[in-house]
């Protein structure tokens, strides 16, 4: 008989809090919402709190809205965490494989208008950061401050090769133990408990007992080509969007090996936005929200909500 693994997406918050020493007096108020995109598709999102969301959080490629859980618990603010098209519980993209920040931005804009129209800032990590940058360019009224988490338009397939190789690994795994083993190998600094939670949020068990990543439904990323292509984007358009930003911007850069941001990328961003705030997080790689969620939460609190 195939062993079924029980999953309730709202049952793990106490584990997040315990792992990072966050005060926890019971389950937070979190609900899942779906926004009709008008073309037969819908975008799914987590709404934290009862009040109007103060932040919008946009995850990276091959992730989902739960990647922000510990950050959200540390902040303790009402916020919106979206599932990008083709990720988590959202329907697939309008076309392609879901790595076009410009297309994604149009879908995310509809979700923000419906659920968080007055948010003080949009925070995007990796593909979510590029999507948020495109959002600031095409739907400027929705972005009052912008935070880019370990990404600039300078990302290439060569810089992200290790990450893309992990994402484009086996399409299915015979057992939970095997998908966990591969994930632990790729994330040796994380606790096994945190990786187990991440898999349960980001993969589905099939009828035969095997496991498939939710994002694998659309193969959201491509293997890097010999030219070093990144996930599909027009870097020149997004660099121009950086130049055109009329809102405060902060780059949070992980400084460990898995970061995809180079000194040259950082310098280019500062050249185009001299007032940009740059923060280096020594103990984080590419996934700053997973490696050092408390540090990221403190930076967001300072940048978005502190006076001055």
C-alpha atoms as a PDB file:
ATOM      1  CA  UNK A   1       0.000   0.000   0.000  1.00  0.00           C
ATOM      2  CA  UNK A   2       1.280   3.453  -0.915  1.00  0.00           C
ATOM      3  CA  UNK A   3       2.033   5.589   2.126  1.00  0.00           C
ATOM      4  CA  UNK A   4       0.188   8.910   1.942  1.00  0.00           C
ATOM      5  CA  UNK A   5       1.782  11.994   3.501  1.00  0.00           C
ATOM      6  CA  UNK A   6      -0.755  14.299   5.125  1.00  0.00           C
ATOM      7  CA  UNK A   7      -0.537  17.976   4.179  1.00  0.00           C
ATOM      8  CA  UNK A   8      -2.278  21.023   5.626  1.00  0.00           C
ATOM      9  CA  UNK A   9      -0.616  24.194   4.381  1.00  0.00           C
ATOM     10  CA  UNK A  10      -1.598  26.167   7.503  1.00  0.00           C
ATOM     11  CA  UNK A  11      -0.329  23.656  10.066  1.00  0.00           C
ATOM     12  CA  UNK A  12       3.410  24.399  10.055  1.00  0.00           C
ATOM     13  CA  UNK A  13       3.667  28.002  11.242  1.00  0.00           C
ATOM     14  CA  UNK A  14       4.575  26.921  14.773  1.00  0.00           C
ATOM     15  CA  UNK A  15       7.598  25.097  13.317  1.00  0.00           C
ATOM     16  CA  UNK A  16       8.767  28.230  11.497  1.00  0.00           C
ATOM     17  CA  UNK A  17       8.419  30.264  14.674  1.00  0.00           C
ATOM     18  CA  UNK A  18      10.158  27.695  16.861  1.00  0.00           C
ATOM     19  CA  UNK A  19      13.134  27.306  14.540  1.00  0.00           C
ATOM     20  CA  UNK A  20      13.883  31.036  14.600  1.00  0.00           C
ATOM     21  CA  UNK A  21      12.796  31.922  18.135  1.00  0.00           C
ATOM     22  CA  UNK A  22       9.805  34.000  17.054  1.00  0.00           C
ATOM     23  CA  UNK A  23       7.150  34.570  19.713  1.00  0.00           C
ATOM     24  CA  UNK A  24       4.163  32.393  18.908  1.00  0.00           C
ATOM     25  CA  UNK A  25       0.853  32.556  20.716  1.00  0.00           C
ATOM     26  CA  UNK A  26      -1.173  30.578  18.239  1.00  0.00           C
ATOM     27  CA  UNK A  27      -1.763  30.243  14.512  1.00  0.00           C
ATOM     28  CA  UNK A  28      -1.637  33.538  12.613  1.00  0.00           C
ATOM     29  CA  UNK A  29      -4.602  34.713  10.570  1.00  0.00           C
ATOM     30  CA  UNK A  30      -3.827  33.544   7.042  1.00  0.00           C
ATOM     31  CA  UNK A  31      -6.229  32.730   4.237  1.00  0.00           C
ATOM     32  CA  UNK A  32      -5.857  31.681   0.613  1.00  0.00           C
ATOM     33  CA  UNK A  33      -7.512  33.835  -2.038  1.00  0.00           C
ATOM     34  CA  UNK A  34      -7.898  33.434  -5.786  1.00  0.00           C
ATOM     35  CA  UNK A  35      -8.073  36.351  -8.216  1.00  0.00           C
ATOM     36  CA  UNK A  36      -9.813  35.890 -11.558  1.00  0.00           C
ATOM     37  CA  UNK A  37      -7.494  37.064 -14.337  1.00  0.00           C
ATOM     38  CA  UNK A  38     -10.303  37.371 -16.850  1.00  0.00           C
ATOM     39  CA  UNK A  39      -9.068  34.799 -19.356  1.00  0.00           C
ATOM     40  CA  UNK A  40     -10.060  31.582 -17.645  1.00  0.00           C
ATOM     41  CA  UNK A  41      -7.032  31.624 -15.355  1.00  0.00           C
ATOM     42  CA  UNK A  42      -6.679  32.692 -11.742  1.00  0.00           C
ATOM     43  CA  UNK A  43      -3.798  33.736  -9.520  1.00  0.00           C
ATOM     44  CA  UNK A  44      -3.598  32.338  -6.002  1.00  0.00           C
ATOM     45  CA  UNK A  45      -2.203  34.193  -3.002  1.00  0.00           C
ATOM     46  CA  UNK A  46      -1.896  34.080   0.767  1.00  0.00           C
ATOM     47  CA  UNK A  47      -3.375  37.011   2.680  1.00  0.00           C
ATOM     48  CA  UNK A  48      -1.847  37.482   6.132  1.00  0.00           C
ATOM     49  CA  UNK A  49      -3.877  39.327   8.771  1.00  0.00           C
ATOM     50  CA  UNK A  50      -7.295  40.932   8.838  1.00  0.00           C
ATOM     51  CA  UNK A  51      -6.228  44.468   7.920  1.00  0.00           C
ATOM     52  CA  UNK A  52      -5.387  45.788   4.465  1.00  0.00           C
ATOM     53  CA  UNK A  53      -2.007  44.374   3.358  1.00  0.00           C
ATOM     54  CA  UNK A  54       0.954  46.683   3.891  1.00  0.00           C
ATOM     55  CA  UNK A  55       3.408  44.639   1.816  1.00  0.00           C
ATOM     56  CA  UNK A  56       3.354  42.494  -1.300  1.00  0.00           C
ATOM     57  CA  UNK A  57       5.839  39.594  -1.423  1.00  0.00           C
ATOM     58  CA  UNK A  58       6.689  37.885  -4.732  1.00  0.00           C
ATOM     59  CA  UNK A  59       8.675  34.631  -4.651  1.00  0.00           C
ATOM     60  CA  UNK A  60      11.349  33.357  -7.018  1.00  0.00           C
ATOM     61  CA  UNK A  61      11.197  30.814  -9.831  1.00  0.00           C
ATOM     62  CA  UNK A  62      10.271  27.276  -8.753  1.00  0.00           C
ATOM     63  CA  UNK A  63       9.129  28.552  -5.334  1.00  0.00           C
ATOM     64  CA  UNK A  64       5.725  29.546  -3.938  1.00  0.00           C
ATOM     65  CA  UNK A  65       4.119  31.990  -1.519  1.00  0.00           C
ATOM     66  CA  UNK A  66       5.034  29.907   1.557  1.00  0.00           C
ATOM     67  CA  UNK A  67       8.727  30.716   1.047  1.00  0.00           C
ATOM     68  CA  UNK A  68       7.936  33.955   2.939  1.00  0.00           C
ATOM     69  CA  UNK A  69       6.281  32.311   5.979  1.00  0.00           C
ATOM     70  CA  UNK A  70       9.083  32.953   8.471  1.00  0.00           C
ATOM     71  CA  UNK A  71       9.597  36.509   7.210  1.00  0.00           C
ATOM     72  CA  UNK A  72       5.862  37.139   7.552  1.00  0.00           C
ATOM     73  CA  UNK A  73       5.827  35.767  11.106  1.00  0.00           C
ATOM     74  CA  UNK A  74       8.803  37.936  12.049  1.00  0.00           C
ATOM     75  CA  UNK A  75       7.223  41.073  10.582  1.00  0.00           C
ATOM     76  CA  UNK A  76       3.824  40.528  12.150  1.00  0.00           C
ATOM     77  CA  UNK A  77       2.198  42.843   9.594  1.00  0.00           C
ATOM     78  CA  UNK A  78      -0.734  42.318   7.245  1.00  0.00           C
ATOM     79  CA  UNK A  79       0.649  41.363   3.858  1.00  0.00           C
ATOM     80  CA  UNK A  80       0.022  39.613   0.568  1.00  0.00           C
ATOM     81  CA  UNK A  81       2.229  36.765  -0.698  1.00  0.00           C
ATOM     82  CA  UNK A  82       1.389  35.743  -4.264  1.00  0.00           C
ATOM     83  CA  UNK A  83       1.936  32.515  -6.165  1.00  0.00           C
ATOM     84  CA  UNK A  84       3.372  33.460  -9.554  1.00  0.00           C
ATOM     85  CA  UNK A  85       1.724  32.002 -12.673  1.00  0.00           C
ATOM     86  CA  UNK A  86       2.592  28.320 -12.968  1.00  0.00           C
ATOM     87  CA  UNK A  87       3.719  28.153  -9.336  1.00  0.00           C
ATOM     88  CA  UNK A  88       2.118  27.064  -6.099  1.00  0.00           C
ATOM     89  CA  UNK A  89      -1.664  27.045  -6.421  1.00  0.00           C
ATOM     90  CA  UNK A  90      -1.847  29.508  -9.327  1.00  0.00           C
ATOM     91  CA  UNK A  91      -2.887  28.552 -12.826  1.00  0.00           C
ATOM     92  CA  UNK A  92      -0.307  28.516 -15.585  1.00  0.00           C
ATOM     93  CA  UNK A  93       0.929  31.569 -17.464  1.00  0.00           C
ATOM     94  CA  UNK A  94      -0.974  33.066 -20.366  1.00  0.00           C
ATOM     95  CA  UNK A  95       1.720  31.743 -22.679  1.00  0.00           C
ATOM     96  CA  UNK A  96       5.205  30.263 -22.526  1.00  0.00           C
ATOM     97  CA  UNK A  97       6.599  28.669 -19.389  1.00  0.00           C
ATOM     98  CA  UNK A  98       6.150  31.388 -16.786  1.00  0.00           C
ATOM     99  CA  UNK A  99       9.579  33.030 -16.776  1.00  0.00           C
ATOM    100  CA  UNK A 100       8.616  36.259 -18.554  1.00  0.00           C
ATOM    101  CA  UNK A 101       8.659  39.038 -15.924  1.00  0.00           C
ATOM    102  CA  UNK A 102       6.659  41.380 -18.148  1.00  0.00           C
ATOM    103  CA  UNK A 103       3.810  38.892 -18.599  1.00  0.00           C
ATOM    104  CA  UNK A 104       3.927  37.876 -14.955  1.00  0.00           C
ATOM    105  CA  UNK A 105       3.747  41.528 -13.892  1.00  0.00           C
ATOM    106  CA  UNK A 106       0.416  41.999 -15.637  1.00  0.00           C
ATOM    107  CA  UNK A 107      -1.072  39.052 -13.746  1.00  0.00           C
ATOM    108  CA  UNK A 108       0.411  40.140 -10.419  1.00  0.00           C
ATOM    109  CA  UNK A 109      -0.932  43.663 -10.972  1.00  0.00           C
ATOM    110  CA  UNK A 110      -4.478  42.282 -11.087  1.00  0.00           C
ATOM    111  CA  UNK A 111      -3.939  40.443  -7.811  1.00  0.00           C
ATOM    112  CA  UNK A 112      -2.520  43.544  -6.122  1.00  0.00           C
ATOM    113  CA  UNK A 113      -5.392  45.722  -7.316  1.00  0.00           C
ATOM    114  CA  UNK A 114      -7.853  43.213  -5.913  1.00  0.00           C
ATOM    115  CA  UNK A 115      -6.142  42.397  -2.617  1.00  0.00           C
ATOM    116  CA  UNK A 116      -3.447  44.976  -1.723  1.00  0.00           C
ATOM    117  CA  UNK A 117      -3.930  48.195  -3.722  1.00  0.00           C
ATOM    118  CA  UNK A 118      -2.375  50.448  -1.080  1.00  0.00           C
ATOM    119  CA  UNK A 119       0.631  48.351  -0.062  1.00  0.00           C
ATOM    120  CA  UNK A 120       3.621  50.404   1.034  1.00  0.00           C
ATOM    121  CA  UNK A 121       6.121  48.290  -0.909  1.00  0.00           C
ATOM    122  CA  UNK A 122       6.563  45.370  -3.265  1.00  0.00           C
ATOM    123  CA  UNK A 123       9.294  42.869  -2.385  1.00  0.00           C
ATOM    124  CA  UNK A 124      10.491  40.446  -5.055  1.00  0.00           C
ATOM    125  CA  UNK A 125      13.089  37.688  -4.896  1.00  0.00           C
ATOM    126  CA  UNK A 126      14.858  36.355  -8.033  1.00  0.00           C
ATOM    127  CA  UNK A 127      12.209  35.917 -10.778  1.00  0.00           C
ATOM    128  CA  UNK A 128       9.809  37.643  -8.397  1.00  0.00           C
ATOM    129  CA  UNK A 129      12.216  40.582  -8.202  1.00  0.00           C
ATOM    130  CA  UNK A 130      12.365  40.907 -11.973  1.00  0.00           C
ATOM    131  CA  UNK A 131       8.573  40.608 -12.064  1.00  0.00           C
ATOM    132  CA  UNK A 132       8.325  43.346  -9.423  1.00  0.00           C
ATOM    133  CA  UNK A 133      10.672  45.562 -11.425  1.00  0.00           C
ATOM    134  CA  UNK A 134       8.504  45.036 -14.509  1.00  0.00           C
ATOM    135  CA  UNK A 135       5.478  45.814 -12.332  1.00  0.00           C
ATOM    136  CA  UNK A 136       7.029  49.116 -11.251  1.00  0.00           C
ATOM    137  CA  UNK A 137       7.616  49.955 -14.918  1.00  0.00           C
ATOM    138  CA  UNK A 138       4.214  48.969 -16.318  1.00  0.00           C
ATOM    139  CA  UNK A 139       1.962  49.564 -13.289  1.00  0.00           C
ATOM    140  CA  UNK A 140       3.842  52.256 -11.411  1.00  0.00           C
ATOM    141  CA  UNK A 141       0.864  53.291  -9.291  1.00  0.00           C
ATOM    142  CA  UNK A 142       1.022  49.952  -7.455  1.00  0.00           C
ATOM    143  CA  UNK A 143       4.686  50.212  -6.382  1.00  0.00           C
ATOM    144  CA  UNK A 144       5.526  52.825  -3.752  1.00  0.00           C
ATOM    145  CA  UNK A 145       8.815  51.262  -2.704  1.00  0.00           C
ATOM    146  CA  UNK A 146      10.670  48.377  -4.341  1.00  0.00           C
ATOM    147  CA  UNK A 147      12.884  45.722  -2.761  1.00  0.00           C
ATOM    148  CA  UNK A 148      14.924  43.400  -4.977  1.00  0.00           C
ATOM    149  CA  UNK A 149      16.102  40.287  -3.143  1.00  0.00           C
ATOM    150  CA  UNK A 150      19.287  38.868  -4.684  1.00  0.00           C
ATOM    151  CA  UNK A 151      18.530  39.809  -8.265  1.00  0.00           C
ATOM    152  CA  UNK A 152      19.179  42.451 -10.894  1.00  0.00           C
ATOM    153  CA  UNK A 153      18.532  42.383 -14.645  1.00  0.00           C
ATOM    154  CA  UNK A 154      22.132  41.207 -14.957  1.00  0.00           C
ATOM    155  CA  UNK A 155      21.244  37.608 -14.032  1.00  0.00           C
ATOM    156  CA  UNK A 156      22.335  35.044 -16.632  1.00  0.00           C
ATOM    157  CA  UNK A 157      22.097  31.308 -16.957  1.00  0.00           C
ATOM    158  CA  UNK A 158      25.813  31.024 -16.162  1.00  0.00           C
ATOM    159  CA  UNK A 159      25.376  32.900 -12.887  1.00  0.00           C
ATOM    160  CA  UNK A 160      22.340  30.825 -11.955  1.00  0.00           C
ATOM    161  CA  UNK A 161      23.548  27.522 -13.417  1.00  0.00           C
ATOM    162  CA  UNK A 162      23.593  25.621 -10.115  1.00  0.00           C
ATOM    163  CA  UNK A 163      20.080  26.738  -9.240  1.00  0.00           C
ATOM    164  CA  UNK A 164      18.697  26.021 -12.703  1.00  0.00           C
ATOM    165  CA  UNK A 165      20.295  22.564 -12.681  1.00  0.00           C
ATOM    166  CA  UNK A 166      18.480  21.779  -9.430  1.00  0.00           C
ATOM    167  CA  UNK A 167      15.152  23.060 -10.750  1.00  0.00           C
ATOM    168  CA  UNK A 168      15.506  21.102 -13.981  1.00  0.00           C
ATOM    169  CA  UNK A 169      16.322  17.843 -12.241  1.00  0.00           C
ATOM    170  CA  UNK A 170      14.049  14.782 -12.223  1.00  0.00           C
ATOM    171  CA  UNK A 171      10.435  15.546 -13.053  1.00  0.00           C
ATOM    172  CA  UNK A 172       9.237  13.120 -10.383  1.00  0.00           C
ATOM    173  CA  UNK A 173      10.574  11.227  -7.373  1.00  0.00           C
ATOM    174  CA  UNK A 174       9.475   7.721  -6.324  1.00  0.00           C
ATOM    175  CA  UNK A 175       9.255   8.661  -2.646  1.00  0.00           C
ATOM    176  CA  UNK A 176       9.329  11.583  -0.245  1.00  0.00           C
ATOM    177  CA  UNK A 177      12.671  10.352   1.057  1.00  0.00           C
ATOM    178  CA  UNK A 178      14.232  10.764  -2.397  1.00  0.00           C
ATOM    179  CA  UNK A 179      12.906  14.272  -3.041  1.00  0.00           C
ATOM    180  CA  UNK A 180      14.074  15.242   0.449  1.00  0.00           C
ATOM    181  CA  UNK A 181      17.533  13.761  -0.119  1.00  0.00           C
ATOM    182  CA  UNK A 182      18.035  15.783  -3.310  1.00  0.00           C
ATOM    183  CA  UNK A 183      16.825  18.949  -1.612  1.00  0.00           C
ATOM    184  CA  UNK A 184      19.151  18.461   1.363  1.00  0.00           C
ATOM    185  CA  UNK A 185      22.101  17.980  -0.988  1.00  0.00           C
ATOM    186  CA  UNK A 186      21.325  21.304  -2.657  1.00  0.00           C
ATOM    187  CA  UNK A 187      20.704  23.155   0.644  1.00  0.00           C
ATOM    188  CA  UNK A 188      23.318  21.772   3.062  1.00  0.00           C
ATOM    189  CA  UNK A 189      23.080  24.735   5.464  1.00  0.00           C
ATOM    190  CA  UNK A 190      19.336  24.438   6.077  1.00  0.00           C
ATOM    191  CA  UNK A 191      17.716  22.261   8.705  1.00  0.00           C
ATOM    192  CA  UNK A 192      16.026  19.112   7.475  1.00  0.00           C
ATOM    193  CA  UNK A 193      12.793  20.227   9.158  1.00  0.00           C
ATOM    194  CA  UNK A 194      12.716  23.474   7.171  1.00  0.00           C
ATOM    195  CA  UNK A 195      13.407  21.645   3.917  1.00  0.00           C
ATOM    196  CA  UNK A 196      10.689  19.118   4.673  1.00  0.00           C
ATOM    197  CA  UNK A 197       8.195  21.961   5.128  1.00  0.00           C
ATOM    198  CA  UNK A 198       9.362  23.547   1.917  1.00  0.00           C
ATOM    199  CA  UNK A 199       8.840  20.350  -0.058  1.00  0.00           C
ATOM    200  CA  UNK A 200       5.352  19.825   1.336  1.00  0.00           C
ATOM    201  CA  UNK A 201       4.425  23.351   0.242  1.00  0.00           C
ATOM    202  CA  UNK A 202       6.090  23.043  -3.160  1.00  0.00           C
ATOM    203  CA  UNK A 203       5.393  19.469  -4.291  1.00  0.00           C
ATOM    204  CA  UNK A 204       2.390  17.191  -4.674  1.00  0.00           C
ATOM    205  CA  UNK A 205       2.106  13.490  -3.987  1.00  0.00           C
ATOM    206  CA  UNK A 206       0.630  11.581  -6.917  1.00  0.00           C
ATOM    207  CA  UNK A 207      -1.797   8.659  -6.770  1.00  0.00           C
ATOM    208  CA  UNK A 208       1.060   6.168  -7.199  1.00  0.00           C
ATOM    209  CA  UNK A 209       2.912   7.695  -4.233  1.00  0.00           C
ATOM    210  CA  UNK A 210       5.498   9.568  -6.274  1.00  0.00           C
ATOM    211  CA  UNK A 211       6.192  13.287  -5.831  1.00  0.00           C
ATOM    212  CA  UNK A 212       6.162  16.074  -8.443  1.00  0.00           C
ATOM    213  CA  UNK A 213       7.174  19.699  -7.967  1.00  0.00           C
ATOM    214  CA  UNK A 214       4.177  22.000  -8.420  1.00  0.00           C
ATOM    215  CA  UNK A 215       6.186  24.220 -10.781  1.00  0.00           C
ATOM    216  CA  UNK A 216       7.119  21.184 -12.902  1.00  0.00           C
ATOM    217  CA  UNK A 217       3.603  21.312 -14.329  1.00  0.00           C
ATOM    218  CA  UNK A 218       4.913  24.066 -16.603  1.00  0.00           C
ATOM    219  CA  UNK A 219       8.696  23.527 -16.376  1.00  0.00           C
ATOM    220  CA  UNK A 220       9.110  27.119 -15.306  1.00  0.00           C
ATOM    221  CA  UNK A 221      12.833  27.319 -16.009  1.00  0.00           C
ATOM    222  CA  UNK A 222      15.094  26.121 -18.826  1.00  0.00           C
ATOM    223  CA  UNK A 223      18.499  24.473 -18.641  1.00  0.00           C
ATOM    224  CA  UNK A 224      21.144  27.103 -19.407  1.00  0.00           C
ATOM    225  CA  UNK A 225      22.311  27.073 -23.030  1.00  0.00           C
ATOM    226  CA  UNK A 226      25.891  27.291 -24.213  1.00  0.00           C
ATOM    227  CA  UNK A 227      25.384  31.061 -24.497  1.00  0.00           C
ATOM    228  CA  UNK A 228      24.462  31.277 -20.845  1.00  0.00           C
ATOM    229  CA  UNK A 229      20.821  32.258 -21.243  1.00  0.00           C
ATOM    230  CA  UNK A 230      18.879  33.078 -18.111  1.00  0.00           C
ATOM    231  CA  UNK A 231      15.177  32.455 -17.631  1.00  0.00           C
ATOM    232  CA  UNK A 232      13.428  34.289 -20.437  1.00  0.00           C
ATOM    233  CA  UNK A 233      13.641  38.050 -20.030  1.00  0.00           C
ATOM    234  CA  UNK A 234      14.775  41.119 -21.931  1.00  0.00           C
ATOM    235  CA  UNK A 235      17.616  42.428 -19.799  1.00  0.00           C
ATOM    236  CA  UNK A 236      17.865  45.742 -21.641  1.00  0.00           C
ATOM    237  CA  UNK A 237      14.188  46.491 -21.026  1.00  0.00           C
ATOM    238  CA  UNK A 238      14.538  45.712 -17.336  1.00  0.00           C
ATOM    239  CA  UNK A 239      17.747  47.737 -16.959  1.00  0.00           C
ATOM    240  CA  UNK A 240      15.886  50.639 -18.564  1.00  0.00           C
ATOM    241  CA  UNK A 241      13.137  50.054 -16.017  1.00  0.00           C
ATOM    242  CA  UNK A 242      15.738  50.397 -13.249  1.00  0.00           C
ATOM    243  CA  UNK A 243      16.829  53.728 -14.740  1.00  0.00           C
ATOM    244  CA  UNK A 244      13.228  54.908 -14.841  1.00  0.00           C
ATOM    245  CA  UNK A 245      12.312  54.071 -11.245  1.00  0.00           C
ATOM    246  CA  UNK A 246      10.762  57.002  -9.413  1.00  0.00           C
ATOM    247  CA  UNK A 247      10.430  55.242  -6.056  1.00  0.00           C
ATOM    248  CA  UNK A 248      12.912  54.250  -3.342  1.00  0.00           C
ATOM    249  CA  UNK A 249      14.657  50.969  -4.115  1.00  0.00           C
ATOM    250  CA  UNK A 250      16.700  48.571  -1.990  1.00  0.00           C
ATOM    251  CA  UNK A 251      18.819  45.654  -3.170  1.00  0.00           C
ATOM    252  CA  UNK A 252      19.321  42.885  -0.590  1.00  0.00           C
ATOM    253  CA  UNK A 253      22.200  40.726  -1.762  1.00  0.00           C
ATOM    254  CA  UNK A 254      23.190  37.368  -0.354  1.00  0.00           C
ATOM    255  CA  UNK A 255      26.951  37.059  -0.141  1.00  0.00           C
ATOM    256  CA  UNK A 256      27.369  33.283  -0.091  1.00  0.00           C
ATOM    257  CA  UNK A 257      28.249  31.237  -3.150  1.00  0.00           C
ATOM    258  CA  UNK A 258      24.720  30.633  -4.442  1.00  0.00           C
ATOM    259  CA  UNK A 259      23.990  34.337  -4.925  1.00  0.00           C
ATOM    260  CA  UNK A 260      23.403  35.280  -8.569  1.00  0.00           C
ATOM    261  CA  UNK A 261      24.324  38.962  -8.122  1.00  0.00           C
ATOM    262  CA  UNK A 262      27.878  40.084  -8.898  1.00  0.00           C
ATOM    263  CA  UNK A 263      29.763  43.223  -7.922  1.00  0.00           C
ATOM    264  CA  UNK A 264      29.326  44.407 -11.514  1.00  0.00           C
ATOM    265  CA  UNK A 265      25.546  43.933 -11.315  1.00  0.00           C
ATOM    266  CA  UNK A 266      25.410  45.882  -8.065  1.00  0.00           C
ATOM    267  CA  UNK A 267      27.519  48.680  -9.544  1.00  0.00           C
ATOM    268  CA  UNK A 268      25.255  48.903 -12.590  1.00  0.00           C
ATOM    269  CA  UNK A 269      22.189  49.214 -10.402  1.00  0.00           C
ATOM    270  CA  UNK A 270      23.809  51.982  -8.344  1.00  0.00           C
ATOM    271  CA  UNK A 271      24.905  53.754 -11.535  1.00  0.00           C
ATOM    272  CA  UNK A 272      21.291  53.813 -12.711  1.00  0.00           C
ATOM    273  CA  UNK A 273      19.817  54.494  -9.263  1.00  0.00           C
ATOM    274  CA  UNK A 274      22.450  56.374  -7.221  1.00  0.00           C
ATOM    275  CA  UNK A 275      20.139  56.671  -4.213  1.00  0.00           C
ATOM    276  CA  UNK A 276      19.488  52.925  -4.034  1.00  0.00           C
ATOM    277  CA  UNK A 277      20.045  51.310  -0.660  1.00  0.00           C
ATOM    278  CA  UNK A 278      22.359  48.315  -0.869  1.00  0.00           C
ATOM    279  CA  UNK A 279      22.432  45.666   1.852  1.00  0.00           C
ATOM    280  CA  UNK A 280      24.792  42.679   1.976  1.00  0.00           C
ATOM    281  CA  UNK A 281      23.738  39.644   4.030  1.00  0.00           C
ATOM    282  CA  UNK A 282      26.834  37.639   4.827  1.00  0.00           C
ATOM    283  CA  UNK A 283      25.148  34.380   5.840  1.00  0.00           C
ATOM    284  CA  UNK A 284      22.664  34.192   2.946  1.00  0.00           C
ATOM    285  CA  UNK A 285      22.938  32.750  -0.519  1.00  0.00           C
ATOM    286  CA  UNK A 286      20.416  33.374  -3.258  1.00  0.00           C
ATOM    287  CA  UNK A 287      17.358  32.586  -1.141  1.00  0.00           C
ATOM    288  CA  UNK A 288      17.799  35.256   1.515  1.00  0.00           C
ATOM    289  CA  UNK A 289      14.274  34.726   2.877  1.00  0.00           C
ATOM    290  CA  UNK A 290      15.079  31.067   3.503  1.00  0.00           C
ATOM    291  CA  UNK A 291      18.665  31.423   4.744  1.00  0.00           C
ATOM    292  CA  UNK A 292      18.303  34.488   6.981  1.00  0.00           C
ATOM    293  CA  UNK A 293      14.605  35.363   7.331  1.00  0.00           C
ATOM    294  CA  UNK A 294      14.987  37.410  10.507  1.00  0.00           C
ATOM    295  CA  UNK A 295      17.683  39.597   8.968  1.00  0.00           C
ATOM    296  CA  UNK A 296      15.547  40.135   5.883  1.00  0.00           C
ATOM    297  CA  UNK A 297      12.500  41.004   7.976  1.00  0.00           C
ATOM    298  CA  UNK A 298      14.526  43.587   9.891  1.00  0.00           C
ATOM    299  CA  UNK A 299      15.761  45.148   6.652  1.00  0.00           C
ATOM    300  CA  UNK A 300      12.214  45.331   5.288  1.00  0.00           C
ATOM    301  CA  UNK A 301      10.943  46.899   8.497  1.00  0.00           C
ATOM    302  CA  UNK A 302      13.697  49.497   8.380  1.00  0.00           C
ATOM    303  CA  UNK A 303      13.414  50.342   4.697  1.00  0.00           C
ATOM    304  CA  UNK A 304       9.648  50.338   4.303  1.00  0.00           C
ATOM    305  CA  UNK A 305       8.299  51.498   7.640  1.00  0.00           C
ATOM    306  CA  UNK A 306      10.979  53.431   9.512  1.00  0.00           C
ATOM    307  CA  UNK A 307      10.747  57.232   9.321  1.00  0.00           C
ATOM    308  CA  UNK A 308      13.498  59.103   7.538  1.00  0.00           C
END
